């Protein structure tokens, strides 16, 4: 991943699902580019481990569920107070609980709430502030090949 110099120096990057995996890898690269980080994950233990991994870097970590719009609005307030806003938004949080086509409605709703509404919530909550900052910015919405290939045993 190459970071454009106009958005690399001392800007603020917010990464959802950054407690582990791809989200943490993205956060590391953005930190290496000199960005301040806002890490969001719904797993406090994973988030704590991510903060330890990124020790010595400007990190704000918030345990939040991206499917909860009010929680993201609270994060926006905290980020604005601490850093002035967001320059790079990475909507990366996603879940893949085991299910099938006849699986529980609760599981289907949770998948859509996180994997679809989490991205919509992230964009609607953070992009207006990014635009008002009138600075170079970037929005990255990650997705899984699971959503394209719909493997057996996991149609959600």
N, C-alpha and C. Protein backbone atom coordinates (compact mmCIF):
# COMPACT_ATOMS: atom_id res chain seq x y z
N UNK A 1 0.84 -1.17 0.00
CA UNK A 1 0.00 0.00 0.00
C UNK A 1 0.89 1.23 0.00
N UNK A 2 0.74 2.07 -0.98
CA UNK A 2 1.49 3.30 -1.08
C UNK A 2 0.62 4.44 -0.59
N UNK A 3 1.18 5.27 0.28
CA UNK A 3 0.46 6.40 0.83
C UNK A 3 0.89 7.66 0.09
N UNK A 4 -0.07 8.38 -0.47
CA UNK A 4 0.23 9.62 -1.17
C UNK A 4 0.78 10.64 -0.17
N UNK A 5 1.87 11.33 -0.50
CA UNK A 5 2.48 12.27 0.44
C UNK A 5 1.55 13.37 0.94
N UNK A 6 0.56 13.76 0.14
CA UNK A 6 -0.34 14.83 0.56
C UNK A 6 -1.19 14.43 1.75
N UNK A 7 -1.39 13.14 1.95
CA UNK A 7 -2.20 12.71 3.09
C UNK A 7 -1.40 11.92 4.11
N UNK A 8 -0.10 11.84 3.93
CA UNK A 8 0.69 10.97 4.79
C UNK A 8 1.24 11.64 6.04
N UNK A 9 1.54 12.91 5.98
CA UNK A 9 2.27 13.51 7.09
C UNK A 9 1.36 14.10 8.15
N UNK A 10 1.42 13.50 9.30
CA UNK A 10 0.76 14.02 10.50
C UNK A 10 -0.76 14.19 10.37
N UNK A 11 -1.40 13.37 9.57
CA UNK A 11 -2.85 13.40 9.47
C UNK A 11 -3.44 12.34 10.38
N UNK A 12 -4.75 12.29 10.44
CA UNK A 12 -5.45 11.37 11.33
C UNK A 12 -6.16 10.30 10.52
N UNK A 13 -5.87 9.04 10.84
CA UNK A 13 -6.50 7.90 10.18
C UNK A 13 -7.33 7.14 11.19
N UNK A 14 -8.57 6.87 10.83
CA UNK A 14 -9.47 6.09 11.67
C UNK A 14 -9.70 4.76 10.98
N UNK A 15 -9.43 3.65 11.69
CA UNK A 15 -9.54 2.30 11.12
C UNK A 15 -10.47 1.48 11.99
N UNK A 16 -11.58 1.01 11.40
CA UNK A 16 -12.48 0.13 12.13
C UNK A 16 -12.01 -1.31 11.97
N UNK A 17 -12.36 -2.15 12.94
CA UNK A 17 -11.92 -3.54 12.89
C UNK A 17 -10.41 -3.64 12.97
N UNK A 18 -9.80 -2.75 13.75
CA UNK A 18 -8.33 -2.65 13.77
C UNK A 18 -7.68 -3.39 14.93
N UNK A 19 -8.44 -4.24 15.60
CA UNK A 19 -7.87 -5.00 16.70
C UNK A 19 -6.95 -6.11 16.25
N UNK A 20 -7.09 -6.56 15.01
CA UNK A 20 -6.28 -7.66 14.50
C UNK A 20 -6.42 -7.72 12.98
N UNK A 21 -5.72 -8.65 12.37
CA UNK A 21 -5.88 -8.95 10.96
C UNK A 21 -5.57 -7.79 10.03
N UNK A 22 -6.38 -7.68 8.97
CA UNK A 22 -6.17 -6.66 7.95
C UNK A 22 -6.26 -5.26 8.55
N UNK A 23 -7.20 -5.03 9.45
CA UNK A 23 -7.35 -3.71 10.07
C UNK A 23 -6.10 -3.28 10.81
N UNK A 24 -5.50 -4.20 11.57
CA UNK A 24 -4.27 -3.87 12.29
C UNK A 24 -3.12 -3.66 11.31
N UNK A 25 -3.05 -4.46 10.26
CA UNK A 25 -1.99 -4.29 9.26
C UNK A 25 -2.11 -2.93 8.58
N UNK A 26 -3.33 -2.52 8.27
CA UNK A 26 -3.54 -1.20 7.67
C UNK A 26 -3.12 -0.11 8.65
N UNK A 27 -3.50 -0.26 9.90
CA UNK A 27 -3.14 0.73 10.92
C UNK A 27 -1.62 0.86 11.04
N UNK A 28 -0.92 -0.25 11.01
CA UNK A 28 0.55 -0.21 11.08
C UNK A 28 1.14 0.59 9.92
N UNK A 29 0.63 0.34 8.70
CA UNK A 29 1.14 1.05 7.52
C UNK A 29 0.86 2.54 7.61
N UNK A 30 -0.32 2.89 8.08
CA UNK A 30 -0.66 4.30 8.20
C UNK A 30 0.19 4.97 9.29
N UNK A 31 0.45 4.24 10.36
CA UNK A 31 1.33 4.77 11.41
C UNK A 31 2.75 4.96 10.87
N UNK A 32 3.21 4.00 10.07
CA UNK A 32 4.54 4.12 9.46
C UNK A 32 4.64 5.34 8.56
N UNK A 33 3.50 5.76 8.01
CA UNK A 33 3.47 6.96 7.15
C UNK A 33 3.40 8.24 7.98
N UNK A 34 3.37 8.11 9.30
CA UNK A 34 3.38 9.27 10.18
C UNK A 34 2.02 9.74 10.64
N UNK A 35 0.99 8.96 10.38
CA UNK A 35 -0.36 9.38 10.77
C UNK A 35 -0.67 9.08 12.23
N UNK A 36 -1.49 9.92 12.81
CA UNK A 36 -2.08 9.63 14.11
C UNK A 36 -3.19 8.63 13.86
N UNK A 37 -3.39 7.71 14.78
CA UNK A 37 -4.36 6.63 14.57
C UNK A 37 -5.51 6.68 15.55
N UNK A 38 -6.68 6.36 15.03
CA UNK A 38 -7.85 6.09 15.85
C UNK A 38 -8.24 4.65 15.52
N UNK A 39 -8.10 3.78 16.51
CA UNK A 39 -8.40 2.37 16.34
C UNK A 39 -9.78 2.09 16.93
N UNK A 40 -10.62 1.41 16.17
CA UNK A 40 -11.95 1.04 16.66
C UNK A 40 -12.12 -0.46 16.46
N UNK A 41 -12.56 -1.13 17.51
CA UNK A 41 -12.89 -2.54 17.44
C UNK A 41 -13.92 -2.82 18.53
N UNK A 42 -14.72 -3.84 18.35
CA UNK A 42 -15.71 -4.17 19.38
C UNK A 42 -15.16 -5.17 20.39
N UNK A 43 -13.91 -5.59 20.21
CA UNK A 43 -13.27 -6.54 21.13
C UNK A 43 -12.19 -5.80 21.91
N UNK A 44 -12.47 -5.51 23.17
CA UNK A 44 -11.55 -4.73 24.00
C UNK A 44 -10.19 -5.40 24.12
N UNK A 45 -10.15 -6.72 24.27
CA UNK A 45 -8.88 -7.42 24.42
C UNK A 45 -8.03 -7.32 23.16
N UNK A 46 -8.64 -7.45 22.00
CA UNK A 46 -7.91 -7.32 20.74
C UNK A 46 -7.41 -5.89 20.56
N UNK A 47 -8.23 -4.94 20.95
CA UNK A 47 -7.85 -3.53 20.84
C UNK A 47 -6.66 -3.22 21.74
N UNK A 48 -6.68 -3.74 22.96
CA UNK A 48 -5.55 -3.54 23.88
C UNK A 48 -4.26 -4.12 23.29
N UNK A 49 -4.36 -5.30 22.70
CA UNK A 49 -3.18 -5.92 22.08
C UNK A 49 -2.68 -5.09 20.90
N UNK A 50 -3.61 -4.53 20.13
CA UNK A 50 -3.23 -3.68 18.99
C UNK A 50 -2.50 -2.43 19.47
N UNK A 51 -2.99 -1.83 20.53
CA UNK A 51 -2.34 -0.64 21.09
C UNK A 51 -0.92 -1.00 21.54
N UNK A 52 -0.75 -2.16 22.18
CA UNK A 52 0.58 -2.61 22.59
C UNK A 52 1.49 -2.79 21.38
N UNK A 53 0.95 -3.34 20.29
CA UNK A 53 1.71 -3.55 19.07
C UNK A 53 2.17 -2.22 18.48
N UNK A 54 1.34 -1.20 18.61
CA UNK A 54 1.64 0.12 18.05
C UNK A 54 2.25 1.07 19.07
N UNK A 55 2.83 0.52 20.12
CA UNK A 55 3.41 1.32 21.21
C UNK A 55 4.34 2.40 20.66
N UNK A 56 4.24 3.57 21.26
CA UNK A 56 5.11 4.67 20.88
C UNK A 56 4.56 5.52 19.74
N UNK A 57 3.40 5.16 19.23
CA UNK A 57 2.79 5.94 18.15
C UNK A 57 1.56 6.64 18.68
N UNK A 58 1.16 7.69 18.02
CA UNK A 58 -0.02 8.46 18.44
C UNK A 58 -1.27 7.64 18.16
N UNK A 59 -1.81 7.03 19.22
CA UNK A 59 -2.94 6.14 19.05
C UNK A 59 -4.05 6.50 20.04
N UNK A 60 -5.25 6.55 19.51
CA UNK A 60 -6.46 6.65 20.32
C UNK A 60 -7.24 5.38 20.04
N UNK A 61 -7.61 4.64 21.05
CA UNK A 61 -8.33 3.39 20.86
C UNK A 61 -9.70 3.48 21.53
N UNK A 62 -10.72 3.05 20.79
CA UNK A 62 -12.09 3.11 21.29
C UNK A 62 -12.78 1.78 21.01
N UNK A 63 -13.31 1.18 22.06
CA UNK A 63 -14.12 -0.02 21.89
C UNK A 63 -15.51 0.42 21.47
N UNK A 64 -15.91 0.04 20.26
CA UNK A 64 -17.22 0.43 19.74
C UNK A 64 -17.66 -0.57 18.68
N UNK A 65 -18.96 -0.65 18.51
CA UNK A 65 -19.57 -1.51 17.49
C UNK A 65 -20.01 -0.62 16.34
N UNK A 66 -19.49 -0.87 15.14
CA UNK A 66 -19.80 -0.02 13.99
C UNK A 66 -21.26 -0.07 13.59
N UNK A 67 -21.98 -1.08 14.03
CA UNK A 67 -23.40 -1.15 13.71
C UNK A 67 -24.22 -0.21 14.59
N UNK A 68 -23.59 0.36 15.60
CA UNK A 68 -24.24 1.29 16.53
C UNK A 68 -23.88 2.72 16.13
N UNK A 69 -24.76 3.35 15.37
CA UNK A 69 -24.48 4.70 14.85
C UNK A 69 -24.19 5.70 15.97
N UNK A 70 -24.95 5.63 17.06
CA UNK A 70 -24.73 6.56 18.18
C UNK A 70 -23.33 6.39 18.75
N UNK A 71 -22.83 5.16 18.79
CA UNK A 71 -21.47 4.93 19.28
C UNK A 71 -20.45 5.59 18.36
N UNK A 72 -20.66 5.50 17.05
CA UNK A 72 -19.74 6.15 16.11
C UNK A 72 -19.83 7.67 16.20
N UNK A 73 -21.01 8.20 16.45
CA UNK A 73 -21.14 9.65 16.63
C UNK A 73 -20.38 10.09 17.86
N UNK A 74 -20.38 9.27 18.91
CA UNK A 74 -19.61 9.56 20.12
C UNK A 74 -18.11 9.53 19.80
N UNK A 75 -17.69 8.55 19.01
CA UNK A 75 -16.28 8.48 18.59
C UNK A 75 -15.90 9.73 17.81
N UNK A 76 -16.78 10.16 16.90
CA UNK A 76 -16.51 11.37 16.11
C UNK A 76 -16.26 12.56 17.04
N UNK A 77 -17.09 12.71 18.06
CA UNK A 77 -16.91 13.80 19.02
C UNK A 77 -15.56 13.70 19.71
N UNK A 78 -15.20 12.50 20.16
CA UNK A 78 -13.91 12.30 20.84
C UNK A 78 -12.73 12.61 19.92
N UNK A 79 -12.82 12.14 18.67
CA UNK A 79 -11.73 12.36 17.71
C UNK A 79 -11.60 13.84 17.39
N UNK A 80 -12.72 14.51 17.22
CA UNK A 80 -12.69 15.95 16.91
C UNK A 80 -12.07 16.72 18.06
N UNK A 81 -12.44 16.36 19.29
CA UNK A 81 -11.87 17.05 20.45
C UNK A 81 -10.37 16.80 20.58
N UNK A 82 -9.94 15.58 20.30
CA UNK A 82 -8.53 15.24 20.50
C UNK A 82 -7.64 15.63 19.32
N UNK A 83 -8.11 15.35 18.09
CA UNK A 83 -7.26 15.54 16.91
C UNK A 83 -7.78 16.57 15.92
N UNK A 84 -9.00 17.05 16.10
CA UNK A 84 -9.56 18.01 15.15
C UNK A 84 -10.40 17.39 14.06
N UNK A 85 -10.32 16.07 13.90
CA UNK A 85 -11.11 15.38 12.88
C UNK A 85 -10.34 14.24 12.25
N UNK A 86 -10.91 13.69 11.20
CA UNK A 86 -10.36 12.53 10.50
C UNK A 86 -9.97 12.93 9.08
N UNK A 87 -8.85 12.41 8.60
CA UNK A 87 -8.41 12.64 7.23
C UNK A 87 -8.52 11.38 6.38
N UNK A 88 -8.31 10.24 7.01
CA UNK A 88 -8.40 8.96 6.31
C UNK A 88 -9.36 8.07 7.10
N UNK A 89 -10.39 7.60 6.43
CA UNK A 89 -11.38 6.72 7.04
C UNK A 89 -11.26 5.34 6.39
N UNK A 90 -11.03 4.32 7.21
CA UNK A 90 -10.95 2.95 6.71
C UNK A 90 -12.07 2.15 7.38
N UNK A 91 -13.12 1.89 6.62
CA UNK A 91 -14.23 1.05 7.09
C UNK A 91 -13.85 -0.40 6.81
N UNK A 92 -13.31 -1.06 7.81
CA UNK A 92 -12.78 -2.40 7.64
C UNK A 92 -13.50 -3.45 8.47
N UNK A 93 -14.23 -3.05 9.50
CA UNK A 93 -14.85 -4.02 10.39
C UNK A 93 -15.80 -4.94 9.63
N UNK A 94 -15.72 -6.21 9.93
CA UNK A 94 -16.61 -7.18 9.31
C UNK A 94 -16.65 -8.46 10.14
N UNK A 95 -17.76 -9.17 10.02
CA UNK A 95 -17.91 -10.43 10.75
C UNK A 95 -18.33 -11.53 9.79
N UNK A 96 -18.07 -12.76 10.21
CA UNK A 96 -18.42 -13.92 9.40
C UNK A 96 -18.83 -15.07 10.31
N UNK A 97 -19.94 -14.93 11.02
CA UNK A 97 -20.36 -16.04 11.89
C UNK A 97 -20.88 -17.20 11.05
N UNK A 98 -20.69 -18.42 11.53
CA UNK A 98 -21.22 -19.56 10.78
C UNK A 98 -22.74 -19.46 10.66
N UNK A 99 -23.24 -19.77 9.47
CA UNK A 99 -24.69 -19.74 9.27
C UNK A 99 -25.04 -20.52 8.01
N UNK A 100 -26.30 -20.59 7.74
CA UNK A 100 -26.76 -21.16 6.47
C UNK A 100 -28.00 -20.38 6.05
N UNK A 101 -28.51 -20.70 4.88
CA UNK A 101 -29.63 -19.94 4.33
C UNK A 101 -30.84 -19.96 5.27
N UNK A 102 -30.97 -21.01 6.04
CA UNK A 102 -32.07 -21.11 6.98
C UNK A 102 -31.64 -20.77 8.41
N UNK A 103 -30.48 -20.12 8.53
CA UNK A 103 -29.95 -19.75 9.83
C UNK A 103 -30.83 -18.73 10.52
N UNK A 104 -30.46 -18.44 11.73
CA UNK A 104 -31.29 -17.55 12.54
C UNK A 104 -31.35 -16.15 11.95
N UNK A 105 -32.50 -15.54 12.11
CA UNK A 105 -32.69 -14.17 11.67
C UNK A 105 -31.73 -13.24 12.42
N UNK A 106 -31.48 -13.55 13.68
CA UNK A 106 -30.55 -12.74 14.48
C UNK A 106 -29.16 -12.71 13.86
N UNK A 107 -28.67 -13.87 13.41
CA UNK A 107 -27.34 -13.92 12.78
C UNK A 107 -27.33 -13.13 11.48
N UNK A 108 -28.34 -13.31 10.65
CA UNK A 108 -28.42 -12.56 9.40
C UNK A 108 -28.44 -11.06 9.67
N UNK A 109 -29.23 -10.63 10.64
CA UNK A 109 -29.30 -9.20 10.95
C UNK A 109 -27.95 -8.67 11.44
N UNK A 110 -27.26 -9.44 12.27
CA UNK A 110 -25.97 -8.99 12.79
C UNK A 110 -24.95 -8.83 11.67
N UNK A 111 -24.93 -9.80 10.73
CA UNK A 111 -24.01 -9.70 9.60
C UNK A 111 -24.30 -8.44 8.79
N UNK A 112 -25.56 -8.19 8.47
CA UNK A 112 -25.90 -7.00 7.70
C UNK A 112 -25.66 -5.72 8.49
N UNK A 113 -25.95 -5.75 9.79
CA UNK A 113 -25.72 -4.57 10.63
C UNK A 113 -24.25 -4.18 10.66
N UNK A 114 -23.36 -5.15 10.75
CA UNK A 114 -21.93 -4.85 10.82
C UNK A 114 -21.35 -4.65 9.42
N UNK A 115 -21.55 -5.60 8.52
CA UNK A 115 -20.87 -5.59 7.23
C UNK A 115 -21.43 -4.57 6.24
N UNK A 116 -22.70 -4.26 6.35
CA UNK A 116 -23.30 -3.27 5.46
C UNK A 116 -23.51 -1.94 6.20
N UNK A 117 -24.30 -1.98 7.25
CA UNK A 117 -24.61 -0.73 7.96
C UNK A 117 -23.39 -0.13 8.66
N UNK A 118 -22.43 -0.96 9.02
CA UNK A 118 -21.20 -0.42 9.61
C UNK A 118 -20.48 0.51 8.65
N UNK A 119 -20.44 0.14 7.37
CA UNK A 119 -19.80 0.98 6.35
C UNK A 119 -20.64 2.24 6.11
N UNK A 120 -21.95 2.05 5.99
CA UNK A 120 -22.83 3.21 5.79
C UNK A 120 -22.71 4.17 6.97
N UNK A 121 -22.77 3.64 8.19
CA UNK A 121 -22.63 4.49 9.38
C UNK A 121 -21.30 5.22 9.38
N UNK A 122 -20.21 4.51 9.09
CA UNK A 122 -18.89 5.14 9.07
C UNK A 122 -18.83 6.29 8.08
N UNK A 123 -19.34 6.05 6.88
CA UNK A 123 -19.32 7.10 5.86
C UNK A 123 -20.18 8.29 6.26
N UNK A 124 -21.40 8.03 6.71
CA UNK A 124 -22.30 9.13 7.04
C UNK A 124 -21.86 9.91 8.28
N UNK A 125 -21.21 9.24 9.21
CA UNK A 125 -20.77 9.93 10.43
C UNK A 125 -19.49 10.72 10.22
N UNK A 126 -18.54 10.17 9.46
CA UNK A 126 -17.22 10.81 9.38
C UNK A 126 -16.97 11.65 8.12
N UNK A 127 -17.54 11.31 6.99
CA UNK A 127 -17.23 12.04 5.76
C UNK A 127 -17.65 13.51 5.81
N UNK A 128 -18.81 13.88 6.36
CA UNK A 128 -19.13 15.32 6.40
C UNK A 128 -18.04 16.15 7.11
N UNK A 129 -17.51 15.63 8.20
CA UNK A 129 -16.43 16.34 8.89
C UNK A 129 -15.16 16.38 8.08
N UNK A 130 -14.88 15.30 7.34
CA UNK A 130 -13.70 15.28 6.47
C UNK A 130 -13.83 16.35 5.40
N UNK A 131 -15.00 16.47 4.82
CA UNK A 131 -15.22 17.48 3.78
C UNK A 131 -15.09 18.89 4.34
N UNK A 132 -15.60 19.11 5.54
CA UNK A 132 -15.55 20.46 6.12
C UNK A 132 -14.12 20.86 6.49
N UNK A 133 -13.24 19.88 6.67
CA UNK A 133 -11.84 20.20 6.97
C UNK A 133 -11.12 20.76 5.74
N UNK A 134 -11.65 20.48 4.56
CA UNK A 134 -11.09 20.99 3.30
C UNK A 134 -9.60 20.65 3.18
N UNK A 135 -9.28 19.42 3.56
CA UNK A 135 -7.92 18.91 3.43
C UNK A 135 -7.94 17.67 2.55
N UNK A 136 -6.80 17.28 2.01
CA UNK A 136 -6.79 16.01 1.28
C UNK A 136 -7.24 14.88 2.20
N UNK A 137 -8.02 13.97 1.68
CA UNK A 137 -8.52 12.87 2.48
C UNK A 137 -8.75 11.63 1.64
N UNK A 138 -9.12 10.57 2.32
CA UNK A 138 -9.29 9.29 1.65
C UNK A 138 -10.28 8.44 2.43
N UNK A 139 -11.15 7.73 1.71
CA UNK A 139 -12.06 6.77 2.31
C UNK A 139 -11.78 5.42 1.68
N UNK A 140 -11.53 4.42 2.51
CA UNK A 140 -11.30 3.05 2.04
C UNK A 140 -12.34 2.16 2.68
N UNK A 141 -13.12 1.47 1.86
CA UNK A 141 -14.09 0.49 2.35
C UNK A 141 -13.59 -0.88 1.91
N UNK A 142 -13.17 -1.69 2.88
CA UNK A 142 -12.68 -3.03 2.53
C UNK A 142 -13.85 -3.99 2.41
N UNK A 143 -13.62 -5.07 1.73
CA UNK A 143 -14.61 -6.13 1.59
C UNK A 143 -13.91 -7.46 1.49
N UNK A 144 -14.65 -8.50 1.74
CA UNK A 144 -14.09 -9.84 1.72
C UNK A 144 -14.49 -10.55 0.44
N UNK A 145 -13.62 -11.41 -0.03
CA UNK A 145 -13.99 -12.25 -1.17
C UNK A 145 -15.14 -13.17 -0.82
N UNK A 146 -15.35 -13.39 0.48
CA UNK A 146 -16.48 -14.21 0.91
C UNK A 146 -17.79 -13.62 0.42
N UNK A 147 -17.86 -12.30 0.33
CA UNK A 147 -19.07 -11.65 -0.15
C UNK A 147 -19.29 -11.84 -1.63
N UNK A 148 -18.25 -12.18 -2.35
CA UNK A 148 -18.35 -12.39 -3.80
C UNK A 148 -18.59 -13.85 -4.13
N UNK A 149 -17.85 -14.72 -3.44
CA UNK A 149 -17.91 -16.14 -3.77
C UNK A 149 -19.00 -16.90 -3.04
N UNK A 150 -19.52 -16.36 -1.95
CA UNK A 150 -20.55 -17.02 -1.14
C UNK A 150 -20.24 -18.51 -0.95
N UNK A 151 -19.22 -18.82 -0.17
CA UNK A 151 -18.80 -20.21 -0.02
C UNK A 151 -19.89 -21.06 0.65
N UNK A 152 -19.86 -22.34 0.40
CA UNK A 152 -20.83 -23.22 1.04
C UNK A 152 -20.77 -23.10 2.56
N UNK A 153 -21.91 -23.05 3.19
CA UNK A 153 -21.93 -22.97 4.65
C UNK A 153 -21.88 -21.57 5.19
N UNK A 154 -21.81 -20.55 4.33
CA UNK A 154 -21.77 -19.19 4.84
C UNK A 154 -22.37 -18.22 3.83
N UNK A 155 -23.64 -18.31 3.56
CA UNK A 155 -24.24 -17.43 2.55
C UNK A 155 -24.39 -15.97 2.98
N UNK A 156 -24.39 -15.68 4.27
CA UNK A 156 -24.54 -14.29 4.70
C UNK A 156 -23.32 -13.49 4.34
